[in-house]
Amino acid sequence: MPNIKPISDLRNYTAVMNEVTYGNRVYLTRNGHGSCAIIDIEELDELDKMKALNKLLLKLQTAEKSVLEEGTVSADELEKELGGIMSSQYTRIIARSHCPAAGKTGAAAPFFMSTEPESKI
């Protein structure tokens, strides 16, 4: 059951805050209409993560639809379209089989990407 209180109850701020827990929000009203809500910070973080994930999934669906409808471009076609930019820069990914940060062989390998010519790296 929702915990709805008039905003005037915030005069006793501590009592209202003690009622806020994960999954138990306090909704505040002004003149009988919803004004704001107080939620647990962990719940807010989880909601923010869910919102970001939802946005990412929407973009992925849009990209998949675009690939199905419009197709893809080969690397050669992309290079021609970009006017040789790809050939003038060196792009590389260095993946190591040993990850010093993890201290184990076979750990998730870090990677490095650069669009700088190899001589500048």
PDB file of N, CA and C in Angstrom:
ATOM      1  N   MET A   1       0.837  -1.171   0.000  1.00  0.00           N
ATOM      2  CA  MET A   1       0.000   0.000   0.000  1.00  0.00           C
ATOM      3  C   MET A   1       0.891   1.247   0.000  1.00  0.00           C
ATOM      4  N   PRO A   2       0.625   2.197  -0.874  1.00  0.00           N
ATOM      5  CA  PRO A   2       1.474   3.381  -0.950  1.00  0.00           C
ATOM      6  C   PRO A   2       1.416   4.210   0.333  1.00  0.00           C
ATOM      7  N   ASN A   3       2.566   4.781   0.660  1.00  0.00           N
ATOM      8  CA  ASN A   3       2.687   5.625   1.838  1.00  0.00           C
ATOM      9  C   ASN A   3       2.556   7.081   1.391  1.00  0.00           C
ATOM     10  N   ILE A   4       1.366   7.655   1.539  1.00  0.00           N
ATOM     11  CA  ILE A   4       1.078   9.008   1.054  1.00  0.00           C
ATOM     12  C   ILE A   4       0.904   9.931   2.251  1.00  0.00           C
ATOM     13  N   LYS A   5       1.623  11.056   2.199  1.00  0.00           N
ATOM     14  CA  LYS A   5       1.579  12.003   3.310  1.00  0.00           C
ATOM     15  C   LYS A   5       1.501  13.425   2.763  1.00  0.00           C
ATOM     16  N   PRO A   6       0.894  14.327   3.507  1.00  0.00           N
ATOM     17  CA  PRO A   6       0.933  15.732   3.099  1.00  0.00           C
ATOM     18  C   PRO A   6       2.351  16.275   3.287  1.00  0.00           C
ATOM     19  N   ILE A   7       2.735  17.209   2.437  1.00  0.00           N
ATOM     20  CA  ILE A   7       4.085  17.755   2.494  1.00  0.00           C
ATOM     21  C   ILE A   7       4.364  18.434   3.827  1.00  0.00           C
ATOM     22  N   SER A   8       3.319  18.856   4.523  1.00  0.00           N
ATOM     23  CA  SER A   8       3.485  19.486   5.837  1.00  0.00           C
ATOM     24  C   SER A   8       4.080  18.520   6.864  1.00  0.00           C
ATOM     25  N   ASP A   9       3.973  17.204   6.607  1.00  0.00           N
ATOM     26  CA  ASP A   9       4.574  16.219   7.515  1.00  0.00           C
ATOM     27  C   ASP A   9       6.098  16.310   7.532  1.00  0.00           C
ATOM     28  N   LEU A  10       6.681  17.026   6.565  1.00  0.00           N
ATOM     29  CA  LEU A  10       8.138  17.165   6.543  1.00  0.00           C
ATOM     30  C   LEU A  10       8.647  18.042   7.687  1.00  0.00           C
ATOM     31  N   ARG A  11       7.734  18.675   8.412  1.00  0.00           N
ATOM     32  CA  ARG A  11       8.160  19.400   9.622  1.00  0.00           C
ATOM     33  C   ARG A  11       8.850  18.433  10.575  1.00  0.00           C
ATOM     34  N   ASN A  12       8.354  17.193  10.572  1.00  0.00           N
ATOM     35  CA  ASN A  12       8.989  16.130  11.351  1.00  0.00           C
ATOM     36  C   ASN A  12       9.758  15.241  10.363  1.00  0.00           C
ATOM     37  N   TYR A  13      10.803  15.830   9.795  1.00  0.00           N
ATOM     38  CA  TYR A  13      11.587  15.220   8.720  1.00  0.00           C
ATOM     39  C   TYR A  13      12.111  13.838   9.094  1.00  0.00           C
ATOM     40  N   THR A  14      12.635  13.682  10.290  1.00  0.00           N
ATOM     41  CA  THR A  14      13.231  12.414  10.715  1.00  0.00           C
ATOM     42  C   THR A  14      12.205  11.283  10.696  1.00  0.00           C
ATOM     43  N   ALA A  15      11.017  11.540  11.149  1.00  0.00           N
ATOM     44  CA  ALA A  15       9.983  10.505  11.173  1.00  0.00           C
ATOM     45  C   ALA A  15       9.621  10.060   9.760  1.00  0.00           C
ATOM     46  N   VAL A  16       9.529  11.023   8.845  1.00  0.00           N
ATOM     47  CA  VAL A  16       9.207  10.683   7.450  1.00  0.00           C
ATOM     48  C   VAL A  16      10.350   9.872   6.842  1.00  0.00           C
ATOM     49  N   MET A  17      11.590  10.310   7.067  1.00  0.00           N
ATOM     50  CA  MET A  17      12.744   9.610   6.486  1.00  0.00           C
ATOM     51  C   MET A  17      12.887   8.195   7.036  1.00  0.00           C
ATOM     52  N   ASN A  18      12.504   7.980   8.277  1.00  0.00           N
ATOM     53  CA  ASN A  18      12.573   6.642   8.866  1.00  0.00           C
ATOM     54  C   ASN A  18      11.594   5.671   8.196  1.00  0.00           C
ATOM     55  N   GLU A  19      10.592   6.190   7.529  1.00  0.00           N
ATOM     56  CA  GLU A  19       9.621   5.343   6.834  1.00  0.00           C
ATOM     57  C   GLU A  19      10.100   4.936   5.440  1.00  0.00           C
ATOM     58  N   VAL A  20      11.133   5.606   4.924  1.00  0.00           N
ATOM     59  CA  VAL A  20      11.646   5.327   3.583  1.00  0.00           C
ATOM     60  C   VAL A  20      12.623   4.159   3.656  1.00  0.00           C
ATOM     61  N   THR A  21      12.319   3.096   2.927  1.00  0.00           N
ATOM     62  CA  THR A  21      13.213   1.947   2.788  1.00  0.00           C
ATOM     63  C   THR A  21      13.172   1.498   1.337  1.00  0.00           C
ATOM     64  N   TYR A  22      14.031   0.557   0.995  1.00  0.00           N
ATOM     65  CA  TYR A  22      14.035   0.021  -0.361  1.00  0.00           C
ATOM     66  C   TYR A  22      12.663  -0.580  -0.661  1.00  0.00           C
ATOM     67  N   GLY A  23      12.024  -0.089  -1.704  1.00  0.00           N
ATOM     68  CA  GLY A  23      10.708  -0.594  -2.092  1.00  0.00           C
ATOM     69  C   GLY A  23       9.551   0.063  -1.362  1.00  0.00           C
ATOM     70  N   ASN A  24       9.853   0.901  -0.390  1.00  0.00           N
ATOM     71  CA  ASN A  24       8.806   1.594   0.364  1.00  0.00           C
ATOM     72  C   ASN A  24       9.029   3.094   0.223  1.00  0.00           C
ATOM     73  N   ARG A  25       8.436   3.666  -0.794  1.00  0.00           N
ATOM     74  CA  ARG A  25       8.578   5.094  -1.062  1.00  0.00           C
ATOM     75  C   ARG A  25       7.562   5.874  -0.244  1.00  0.00           C
ATOM     76  N   VAL A  26       7.886   7.141  -0.021  1.00  0.00           N
ATOM     77  CA  VAL A  26       6.934   8.043   0.622  1.00  0.00           C
ATOM     78  C   VAL A  26       6.548   9.085  -0.421  1.00  0.00           C
ATOM     79  N   TYR A  27       5.261   9.156  -0.712  1.00  0.00           N
ATOM     80  CA  TYR A  27       4.740  10.120  -1.677  1.00  0.00           C
ATOM     81  C   TYR A  27       4.207  11.324  -0.907  1.00  0.00           C
ATOM     82  N   LEU A  28       4.605  12.511  -1.324  1.00  0.00           N
ATOM     83  CA  LEU A  28       4.176  13.730  -0.645  1.00  0.00           C
ATOM     84  C   LEU A  28       3.173  14.478  -1.515  1.00  0.00           C
ATOM     85  N   THR A  29       2.144  15.007  -0.863  1.00  0.00           N
ATOM     86  CA  THR A  29       1.103  15.741  -1.583  1.00  0.00           C
ATOM     87  C   THR A  29       1.090  17.202  -1.148  1.00  0.00           C
ATOM     88  N   ARG A  30       0.673  18.048  -2.058  1.00  0.00           N
ATOM     89  CA  ARG A  30       0.462  19.464  -1.766  1.00  0.00           C
ATOM     90  C   ARG A  30      -0.954  19.788  -2.210  1.00  0.00           C
ATOM     91  N   ASN A  31      -1.760  20.274  -1.298  1.00  0.00           N
ATOM     92  CA  ASN A  31      -3.165  20.575  -1.574  1.00  0.00           C
ATOM     93  C   ASN A  31      -3.906  19.367  -2.147  1.00  0.00           C
ATOM     94  N   GLY A  32      -3.553  18.183  -1.644  1.00  0.00           N
ATOM     95  CA  GLY A  32      -4.240  16.965  -2.044  1.00  0.00           C
ATOM     96  C   GLY A  32      -3.777  16.346  -3.347  1.00  0.00           C
ATOM     97  N   HIS A  33      -2.795  16.950  -4.012  1.00  0.00           N
ATOM     98  CA  HIS A  33      -2.280  16.425  -5.285  1.00  0.00           C
ATOM     99  C   HIS A  33      -0.824  16.000  -5.120  1.00  0.00           C
ATOM    100  N   GLY A  34      -0.453  14.958  -5.838  1.00  0.00           N
ATOM    101  CA  GLY A  34       0.917  14.471  -5.769  1.00  0.00           C
ATOM    102  C   GLY A  34       1.918  15.574  -6.089  1.00  0.00           C
ATOM    103  N   SER A  35       2.956  15.666  -5.263  1.00  0.00           N
ATOM    104  CA  SER A  35       3.960  16.707  -5.442  1.00  0.00           C
ATOM    105  C   SER A  35       5.335  16.101  -5.697  1.00  0.00           C
ATOM    106  N   CYS A  36       5.749  15.153  -4.860  1.00  0.00           N
ATOM    107  CA  CYS A  36       7.055  14.507  -5.036  1.00  0.00           C
ATOM    108  C   CYS A  36       7.070  13.191  -4.262  1.00  0.00           C
ATOM    109  N   ALA A  37       8.171  12.481  -4.428  1.00  0.00           N
ATOM    110  CA  ALA A  37       8.330  11.208  -3.736  1.00  0.00           C
ATOM    111  C   ALA A  37       9.729  11.126  -3.162  1.00  0.00           C
ATOM    112  N   ILE A  38       9.855  10.439  -2.061  1.00  0.00           N
ATOM    113  CA  ILE A  38      11.163  10.178  -1.453  1.00  0.00           C
ATOM    114  C   ILE A  38      11.397   8.681  -1.572  1.00  0.00           C
ATOM    115  N   ILE A  39      12.529   8.313  -2.203  1.00  0.00           N
ATOM    116  CA  ILE A  39      12.841   6.889  -2.361  1.00  0.00           C
ATOM    117  C   ILE A  39      14.245   6.618  -1.844  1.00  0.00           C
ATOM    118  N   ASP A  40      14.511   5.373  -1.530  1.00  0.00           N
ATOM    119  CA  ASP A  40      15.806   4.915  -1.065  1.00  0.00           C
ATOM    120  C   ASP A  40      16.843   5.113  -2.168  1.00  0.00           C
ATOM    121  N   ILE A  41      18.044   5.527  -1.829  1.00  0.00           N
ATOM    122  CA  ILE A  41      19.077   5.823  -2.818  1.00  0.00           C
ATOM    123  C   ILE A  41      19.475   4.581  -3.615  1.00  0.00           C
ATOM    124  N   GLU A  42      19.495   3.419  -2.989  1.00  0.00           N
ATOM    125  CA  GLU A  42      19.813   2.182  -3.714  1.00  0.00           C
ATOM    126  C   GLU A  42      18.740   1.889  -4.769  1.00  0.00           C
ATOM    127  N   GLU A  43      17.498   2.137  -4.422  1.00  0.00           N
ATOM    128  CA  GLU A  43      16.408   1.940  -5.370  1.00  0.00           C
ATOM    129  C   GLU A  43      16.528   2.930  -6.527  1.00  0.00           C
ATOM    130  N   LEU A  44      16.914   4.169  -6.232  1.00  0.00           N
ATOM    131  CA  LEU A  44      17.112   5.172  -7.269  1.00  0.00           C
ATOM    132  C   LEU A  44      18.237   4.758  -8.217  1.00  0.00           C
ATOM    133  N   ASP A  45      19.352   4.267  -7.667  1.00  0.00           N
ATOM    134  CA  ASP A  45      20.463   3.804  -8.501  1.00  0.00           C
ATOM    135  C   ASP A  45      20.017   2.663  -9.416  1.00  0.00           C
ATOM    136  N   GLU A  46      19.236   1.738  -8.863  1.00  0.00           N
ATOM    137  CA  GLU A  46      18.739   0.612  -9.650  1.00  0.00           C
ATOM    138  C   GLU A  46      17.814   1.094 -10.769  1.00  0.00           C
ATOM    139  N   LEU A  47      16.960   2.051 -10.461  1.00  0.00           N
ATOM    140  CA  LEU A  47      16.062   2.610 -11.480  1.00  0.00           C
ATOM    141  C   LEU A  47      16.855   3.326 -12.581  1.00  0.00           C
ATOM    142  N   ASP A  48      17.915   4.051 -12.192  1.00  0.00           N
ATOM    143  CA  ASP A  48      18.765   4.718 -13.180  1.00  0.00           C
ATOM    144  C   ASP A  48      19.454   3.707 -14.099  1.00  0.00           C
ATOM    145  N   LYS A  49      19.933   2.595 -13.522  1.00  0.00           N
ATOM    146  CA  LYS A  49      20.563   1.549 -14.320  1.00  0.00           C
ATOM    147  C   LYS A  49      19.563   0.927 -15.289  1.00  0.00           C
ATOM    148  N   MET A  50      18.347   0.684 -14.807  1.00  0.00           N
ATOM    149  CA  MET A  50      17.308   0.101 -15.664  1.00  0.00           C
ATOM    150  C   MET A  50      16.959   1.054 -16.800  1.00  0.00           C
ATOM    151  N   LYS A  51      16.906   2.344 -16.506  1.00  0.00           N
ATOM    152  CA  LYS A  51      16.605   3.344 -17.530  1.00  0.00           C
ATOM    153  C   LYS A  51      17.707   3.374 -18.588  1.00  0.00           C
ATOM    154  N   ALA A  52      18.970   3.341 -18.155  1.00  0.00           N
ATOM    155  CA  ALA A  52      20.091   3.334 -19.094  1.00  0.00           C
ATOM    156  C   ALA A  52      20.088   2.066 -19.947  1.00  0.00           C
ATOM    157  N   LEU A  53      19.806   0.926 -19.337  1.00  0.00           N
ATOM    158  CA  LEU A  53      19.738  -0.333 -20.069  1.00  0.00           C
ATOM    159  C   LEU A  53      18.620  -0.302 -21.096  1.00  0.00           C
ATOM    160  N   ASN A  54      17.471   0.257 -20.717  1.00  0.00           N
ATOM    161  CA  ASN A  54      16.341   0.369 -21.629  1.00  0.00           C
ATOM    162  C   ASN A  54      16.700   1.234 -22.838  1.00  0.00           C
ATOM    163  N   LYS A  55      17.399   2.355 -22.591  1.00  0.00           N
ATOM    164  CA  LYS A  55      17.834   3.218 -23.697  1.00  0.00           C
ATOM    165  C   LYS A  55      18.795   2.475 -24.620  1.00  0.00           C
ATOM    166  N   LEU A  56      19.735   1.724 -24.034  1.00  0.00           N
ATOM    167  CA  LEU A  56      20.690   0.962 -24.830  1.00  0.00           C
ATOM    168  C   LEU A  56      19.989  -0.086 -25.683  1.00  0.00           C
ATOM    169  N   LEU A  57      19.041  -0.807 -25.083  1.00  0.00           N
ATOM    170  CA  LEU A  57      18.303  -1.826 -25.832  1.00  0.00           C
ATOM    171  C   LEU A  57      17.502  -1.212 -26.975  1.00  0.00           C
ATOM    172  N   LEU A  58      16.943  -0.035 -26.749  1.00  0.00           N
ATOM    173  CA  LEU A  58      16.201   0.656 -27.795  1.00  0.00           C
ATOM    174  C   LEU A  58      17.124   1.034 -28.956  1.00  0.00           C
ATOM    175  N   LYS A  59      18.330   1.523 -28.636  1.00  0.00           N
ATOM    176  CA  LYS A  59      19.294   1.867 -29.687  1.00  0.00           C
ATOM    177  C   LYS A  59      19.759   0.622 -30.438  1.00  0.00           C
ATOM    178  N   LEU A  60      19.945  -0.481 -29.716  1.00  0.00           N
ATOM    179  CA  LEU A  60      20.340  -1.726 -30.374  1.00  0.00           C
ATOM    180  C   LEU A  60      19.242  -2.232 -31.314  1.00  0.00           C
ATOM    181  N   GLN A  61      17.992  -2.132 -30.886  1.00  0.00           N
ATOM    182  CA  GLN A  61      16.881  -2.536 -31.748  1.00  0.00           C
ATOM    183  C   GLN A  61      16.823  -1.668 -32.998  1.00  0.00           C
ATOM    184  N   THR A  62      17.050  -0.372 -32.830  1.00  0.00           N
ATOM    185  CA  THR A  62      17.067   0.539 -33.974  1.00  0.00           C
ATOM    186  C   THR A  62      18.192   0.171 -34.931  1.00  0.00           C
ATOM    187  N   ALA A  63      19.370  -0.148 -34.382  1.00  0.00           N
ATOM    188  CA  ALA A  63      20.513  -0.525 -35.215  1.00  0.00           C
ATOM    189  C   ALA A  63      20.244  -1.839 -35.949  1.00  0.00           C
ATOM    190  N   GLU A  64      19.678  -2.818 -35.264  1.00  0.00           N
ATOM    191  CA  GLU A  64      19.363  -4.093 -35.897  1.00  0.00           C
ATOM    192  C   GLU A  64      18.358  -3.899 -37.031  1.00  0.00           C
ATOM    193  N   LYS A  65      17.357  -3.076 -36.798  1.00  0.00           N
ATOM    194  CA  LYS A  65      16.363  -2.788 -37.833  1.00  0.00           C
ATOM    195  C   LYS A  65      17.018  -2.124 -39.032  1.00  0.00           C
ATOM    196  N   SER A  66      17.938  -1.198 -38.764  1.00  0.00           N
ATOM    197  CA  SER A  66      18.653  -0.506 -39.839  1.00  0.00           C
ATOM    198  C   SER A  66      19.492  -1.480 -40.661  1.00  0.00           C
ATOM    199  N   VAL A  67      20.164  -2.411 -39.987  1.00  0.00           N
ATOM    200  CA  VAL A  67      20.984  -3.399 -40.697  1.00  0.00           C
ATOM    201  C   VAL A  67      20.106  -4.282 -41.572  1.00  0.00           C
ATOM    202  N   LEU A  68      18.952  -4.695 -41.054  1.00  0.00           N
ATOM    203  CA  LEU A  68      18.057  -5.558 -41.826  1.00  0.00           C
ATOM    204  C   LEU A  68      17.453  -4.826 -43.030  1.00  0.00           C
ATOM    205  N   GLU A  69      17.100  -3.557 -42.838  1.00  0.00           N
ATOM    206  CA  GLU A  69      16.460  -2.807 -43.914  1.00  0.00           C
ATOM    207  C   GLU A  69      17.458  -2.233 -44.920  1.00  0.00           C
ATOM    208  N   GLU A  70      18.578  -1.727 -44.416  1.00  0.00           N
ATOM    209  CA  GLU A  70      19.525  -1.021 -45.279  1.00  0.00           C
ATOM    210  C   GLU A  70      20.776  -1.826 -45.603  1.00  0.00           C
ATOM    211  N   GLY A  71      21.031  -2.886 -44.868  1.00  0.00           N
ATOM    212  CA  GLY A  71      22.223  -3.680 -45.092  1.00  0.00           C
ATOM    213  C   GLY A  71      23.445  -3.057 -44.430  1.00  0.00           C
ATOM    214  N   THR A  72      24.605  -3.608 -44.764  1.00  0.00           N
ATOM    215  CA  THR A  72      25.847  -3.128 -44.184  1.00  0.00           C
ATOM    216  C   THR A  72      26.790  -2.663 -45.289  1.00  0.00           C
ATOM    217  N   VAL A  73      27.891  -2.073 -44.888  1.00  0.00           N
ATOM    218  CA  VAL A  73      28.892  -1.572 -45.829  1.00  0.00           C
ATOM    219  C   VAL A  73      30.188  -2.327 -45.564  1.00  0.00           C
ATOM    220  N   SER A  74      30.852  -2.776 -46.623  1.00  0.00           N
ATOM    221  CA  SER A  74      32.123  -3.479 -46.447  1.00  0.00           C
ATOM    222  C   SER A  74      33.208  -2.476 -46.061  1.00  0.00           C
ATOM    223  N   ALA A  75      34.317  -2.974 -45.537  1.00  0.00           N
ATOM    224  CA  ALA A  75      35.425  -2.111 -45.130  1.00  0.00           C
ATOM    225  C   ALA A  75      35.972  -1.328 -46.317  1.00  0.00           C
ATOM    226  N   ASP A  76      36.039  -1.966 -47.490  1.00  0.00           N
ATOM    227  CA  ASP A  76      36.540  -1.277 -48.685  1.00  0.00           C
ATOM    228  C   ASP A  76      35.609  -0.134 -49.094  1.00  0.00           C
ATOM    229  N   GLU A  77      34.299  -0.397 -49.065  1.00  0.00           N
ATOM    230  CA  GLU A  77      33.333   0.650 -49.404  1.00  0.00           C
ATOM    231  C   GLU A  77      33.406   1.804 -48.406  1.00  0.00           C
ATOM    232  N   LEU A  78      33.587   1.482 -47.139  1.00  0.00           N
ATOM    233  CA  LEU A  78      33.700   2.509 -46.113  1.00  0.00           C
ATOM    234  C   LEU A  78      34.942   3.362 -46.334  1.00  0.00           C
ATOM    235  N   GLU A  79      36.029   2.723 -46.669  1.00  0.00           N
ATOM    236  CA  GLU A  79      37.269   3.457 -46.916  1.00  0.00           C
ATOM    237  C   GLU A  79      37.113   4.398 -48.113  1.00  0.00           C
ATOM    238  N   LYS A  80      36.463   3.923 -49.165  1.00  0.00           N
ATOM    239  CA  LYS A  80      36.221   4.778 -50.325  1.00  0.00           C
ATOM    240  C   LYS A  80      35.328   5.959 -49.955  1.00  0.00           C
ATOM    241  N   GLU A  81      34.298   5.677 -49.151  1.00  0.00           N
ATOM    242  CA  GLU A  81      33.355   6.708 -48.747  1.00  0.00           C
ATOM    243  C   GLU A  81      34.016   7.775 -47.871  1.00  0.00           C
ATOM    244  N   LEU A  82      34.962   7.350 -47.040  1.00  0.00           N
ATOM    245  CA  LEU A  82      35.651   8.280 -46.155  1.00  0.00           C
ATOM    246  C   LEU A  82      36.832   8.970 -46.841  1.00  0.00           C
ATOM    247  N   GLY A  83      37.110   8.622 -48.052  1.00  0.00           N
ATOM    248  CA  GLY A  83      38.156   9.288 -48.808  1.00  0.00           C
ATOM    249  C   GLY A  83      39.565   8.938 -48.382  1.00  0.00           C
ATOM    250  N   GLY A  84      39.815   7.715 -47.994  1.00  0.00           N
ATOM    251  CA  GLY A  84      41.168   7.288 -47.670  1.00  0.00           C
ATOM    252  C   GLY A  84      41.590   7.590 -46.242  1.00  0.00           C
ATOM    253  N   ILE A  85      40.722   8.101 -45.437  1.00  0.00           N
ATOM    254  CA  ILE A  85      41.080   8.418 -44.052  1.00  0.00           C
ATOM    255  C   ILE A  85      41.546   7.162 -43.318  1.00  0.00           C
ATOM    256  N   MET A  86      40.877   6.055 -43.578  1.00  0.00           N
ATOM    257  CA  MET A  86      41.219   4.812 -42.886  1.00  0.00           C
ATOM    258  C   MET A  86      42.636   4.362 -43.204  1.00  0.00           C
ATOM    259  N   SER A  87      43.079   4.519 -44.444  1.00  0.00           N
ATOM    260  CA  SER A  87      44.407   4.042 -44.802  1.00  0.00           C
ATOM    261  C   SER A  87      45.501   4.965 -44.291  1.00  0.00           C
ATOM    262  N   SER A  88      45.174   6.238 -44.015  1.00  0.00           N
ATOM    263  CA  SER A  88      46.199   7.161 -43.542  1.00  0.00           C
ATOM    264  C   SER A  88      46.418   7.063 -42.043  1.00  0.00           C
ATOM    265  N   GLN A  89      45.526   6.407 -41.344  1.00  0.00           N
ATOM    266  CA  GLN A  89      45.681   6.233 -39.896  1.00  0.00           C
ATOM    267  C   GLN A  89      45.782   4.754 -39.584  1.00  0.00           C
ATOM    268  N   TYR A  90      46.461   4.468 -38.537  1.00  0.00           N
ATOM    269  CA  TYR A  90      46.633   3.089 -38.130  1.00  0.00           C
ATOM    270  C   TYR A  90      45.728   2.826 -36.936  1.00  0.00           C
ATOM    271  N   THR A  91      44.866   1.833 -37.053  1.00  0.00           N
ATOM    272  CA  THR A  91      43.990   1.449 -35.956  1.00  0.00           C
ATOM    273  C   THR A  91      44.390   0.063 -35.512  1.00  0.00           C
ATOM    274  N   ARG A  92      44.621  -0.067 -34.233  1.00  0.00           N
ATOM    275  CA  ARG A  92      45.006  -1.389 -33.752  1.00  0.00           C
ATOM    276  C   ARG A  92      44.396  -1.675 -32.397  1.00  0.00           C
ATOM    277  N   ILE A  93      44.280  -2.915 -32.131  1.00  0.00           N
ATOM    278  CA  ILE A  93      43.812  -3.384 -30.831  1.00  0.00           C
ATOM    279  C   ILE A  93      44.871  -4.326 -30.295  1.00  0.00           C
ATOM    280  N   ILE A  94      45.351  -4.016 -29.119  1.00  0.00           N
ATOM    281  CA  ILE A  94      46.340  -4.884 -28.488  1.00  0.00           C
ATOM    282  C   ILE A  94      45.629  -5.623 -27.369  1.00  0.00           C
ATOM    283  N   ALA A  95      45.584  -6.906 -27.483  1.00  0.00           N
ATOM    284  CA  ALA A  95      44.985  -7.718 -26.423  1.00  0.00           C
ATOM    285  C   ALA A  95      46.064  -8.623 -25.879  1.00  0.00           C
ATOM    286  N   ARG A  96      46.213  -8.641 -24.586  1.00  0.00           N
ATOM    287  CA  ARG A  96      47.229  -9.480 -23.966  1.00  0.00           C
ATOM    288  C   ARG A  96      46.568 -10.686 -23.316  1.00  0.00           C
ATOM    289  N   SER A  97      47.279 -11.788 -23.347  1.00  0.00           N
ATOM    290  CA  SER A  97      46.725 -12.988 -22.714  1.00  0.00           C
ATOM    291  C   SER A  97      46.975 -12.959 -21.214  1.00  0.00           C
ATOM    292  N   HIS A  98      47.838 -12.051 -20.764  1.00  0.00           N
ATOM    293  CA  HIS A  98      48.103 -11.925 -19.330  1.00  0.00           C
ATOM    294  C   HIS A  98      47.649 -10.551 -18.887  1.00  0.00           C
ATOM    295  N   CYS A  99      46.837 -10.516 -17.873  1.00  0.00           N
ATOM    296  CA  CYS A  99      46.302  -9.252 -17.369  1.00  0.00           C
ATOM    297  C   CYS A  99      46.982  -8.937 -16.042  1.00  0.00           C
ATOM    298  N   PRO A 100      47.963  -8.006 -16.024  1.00  0.00           N
ATOM    299  CA  PRO A 100      48.665  -7.701 -14.778  1.00  0.00           C
ATOM    300  C   PRO A 100      47.725  -7.200 -13.679  1.00  0.00           C
ATOM    301  N   ALA A 101      46.662  -6.495 -14.064  1.00  0.00           N
ATOM    302  CA  ALA A 101      45.732  -5.972 -13.061  1.00  0.00           C
ATOM    303  C   ALA A 101      45.063  -7.114 -12.303  1.00  0.00           C
ATOM    304  N   ALA A 102      44.747  -8.190 -13.013  1.00  0.00           N
ATOM    305  CA  ALA A 102      44.092  -9.326 -12.365  1.00  0.00           C
ATOM    306  C   ALA A 102      45.115 -10.282 -11.765  1.00  0.00           C
ATOM    307  N   GLY A 103      46.365 -10.220 -12.265  1.00  0.00           N
ATOM    308  CA  GLY A 103      47.423 -11.076 -11.737  1.00  0.00           C
ATOM    309  C   GLY A 103      47.300 -12.523 -12.152  1.00  0.00           C
ATOM    310  N   LYS A 104      46.534 -12.804 -13.181  1.00  0.00           N
ATOM    311  CA  LYS A 104      46.331 -14.183 -13.615  1.00  0.00           C
ATOM    312  C   LYS A 104      46.455 -14.269 -15.131  1.00  0.00           C
ATOM    313  N   THR A 105      46.985 -15.355 -15.596  1.00  0.00           N
ATOM    314  CA  THR A 105      46.984 -15.608 -17.025  1.00  0.00           C
ATOM    315  C   THR A 105      45.596 -16.086 -17.413  1.00  0.00           C
ATOM    316  N   GLY A 106      45.114 -15.596 -18.541  1.00  0.00           N
ATOM    317  CA  GLY A 106      43.795 -16.003 -18.995  1.00  0.00           C
ATOM    318  C   GLY A 106      42.682 -15.149 -18.440  1.00  0.00           C
ATOM    319  N   ALA A 107      43.033 -14.140 -17.646  1.00  0.00           N
ATOM    320  CA  ALA A 107      42.002 -13.238 -17.133  1.00  0.00           C
ATOM    321  C   ALA A 107      41.498 -12.379 -18.277  1.00  0.00           C
ATOM    322  N   ALA A 108      40.441 -11.666 -18.047  1.00  0.00           N
ATOM    323  CA  ALA A 108      39.897 -10.786 -19.079  1.00  0.00           C
ATOM    324  C   ALA A 108      40.987  -9.828 -19.533  1.00  0.00           C
ATOM    325  N   ALA A 109      41.322  -9.874 -20.794  1.00  0.00           N
ATOM    326  CA  ALA A 109      42.421  -9.075 -21.319  1.00  0.00           C
ATOM    327  C   ALA A 109      41.994  -7.636 -21.559  1.00  0.00           C
ATOM    328  N   PRO A 110      42.823  -6.685 -21.105  1.00  0.00           N
ATOM    329  CA  PRO A 110      42.520  -5.294 -21.412  1.00  0.00           C
ATOM    330  C   PRO A 110      42.803  -5.042 -22.882  1.00  0.00           C
ATOM    331  N   PHE A 111      42.239  -4.007 -23.447  1.00  0.00           N
ATOM    332  CA  PHE A 111      42.554  -3.699 -24.827  1.00  0.00           C
ATOM    333  C   PHE A 111      42.795  -2.210 -24.979  1.00  0.00           C
ATOM    334  N   PHE A 112      43.463  -1.865 -26.064  1.00  0.00           N
ATOM    335  CA  PHE A 112      43.829  -0.494 -26.337  1.00  0.00           C
ATOM    336  C   PHE A 112      43.504  -0.218 -27.789  1.00  0.00           C
ATOM    337  N   MET A 113      42.777   0.852 -28.048  1.00  0.00           N
ATOM    338  CA  MET A 113      42.466   1.224 -29.428  1.00  0.00           C
ATOM    339  C   MET A 113      43.043   2.600 -29.689  1.00  0.00           C
ATOM    340  N   SER A 114      43.592   2.783 -30.873  1.00  0.00           N
ATOM    341  CA  SER A 114      44.141   4.083 -31.233  1.00  0.00           C
ATOM    342  C   SER A 114      43.873   4.339 -32.695  1.00  0.00           C
ATOM    343  N   THR A 115      43.633   5.600 -33.022  1.00  0.00           N
ATOM    344  CA  THR A 115      43.523   5.995 -34.419  1.00  0.00           C
ATOM    345  C   THR A 115      44.758   6.783 -34.823  1.00  0.00           C
ATOM    346  N   GLU A 116      45.756   6.828 -33.940  1.00  0.00           N
ATOM    347  CA  GLU A 116      47.010   7.496 -34.251  1.00  0.00           C
ATOM    348  C   GLU A 116      47.887   6.590 -35.089  1.00  0.00           C
ATOM    349  N   PRO A 117      48.739   7.173 -35.960  1.00  0.00           N
ATOM    350  CA  PRO A 117      49.701   6.335 -36.680  1.00  0.00           C
ATOM    351  C   PRO A 117      50.572   5.585 -35.678  1.00  0.00           C
ATOM    352  N   GLU A 118      51.020   4.409 -36.043  1.00  0.00           N
ATOM    353  CA  GLU A 118      51.765   3.550 -35.135  1.00  0.00           C
ATOM    354  C   GLU A 118      52.998   4.250 -34.577  1.00  0.00           C
ATOM    355  N   SER A 119      53.637   5.111 -35.347  1.00  0.00           N
ATOM    356  CA  SER A 119      54.852   5.788 -34.882  1.00  0.00           C
ATOM    357  C   SER A 119      54.598   6.714 -33.710  1.00  0.00           C
ATOM    358  N   LYS A 120      53.359   7.189 -33.513  1.00  0.00           N
ATOM    359  CA  LYS A 120      53.044   8.100 -32.421  1.00  0.00           C
ATOM    360  C   LYS A 120      52.612   7.381 -31.150  1.00  0.00           C
ATOM    361  N   ILE A 121      52.388   6.079 -31.224  1.00  0.00           N
ATOM    362  CA  ILE A 121      51.861   5.339 -30.066  1.00  0.00           C
ATOM    363  C   ILE A 121      53.002   4.954 -29.166  1.00  0.00           C
TER     364      ILE A 121
END
